[in-house]
Amino acid sequence: MGAIKDNVLAVAIAGEHVVAVTQSKSGKEPAVFLASRSKLNGKVSWQVQLDRQARLDGLAITRSGEIIVSFQDGSIELFGL
């Protein structure tokens, strides 16, 4: 499995997917990403850059596969798996 080189803020597993919120380790304003990796081979299935700072452990996956990310400003956002 490919290693995640950024800081992991949250992780959740759903079926064959490992979903993680990560923060880059470089730069004044570190970038924050939501990504899904294959549980079988570690390859990134998809990745999006988030426009604000996610909360530590602020990640959940619903029974129907929707991803909920909570942010430090108190807001939440819903993503599809």
Foldseek 3Di string as FASTA:
>chain_A
DDDDPFAWQAWDDDDQKIWTWGWHPDDPHTWIKIWIAGNVPRHTPDMDIDPAAFHRRQWDADPVAWIWTAHPVGDIDIHHD
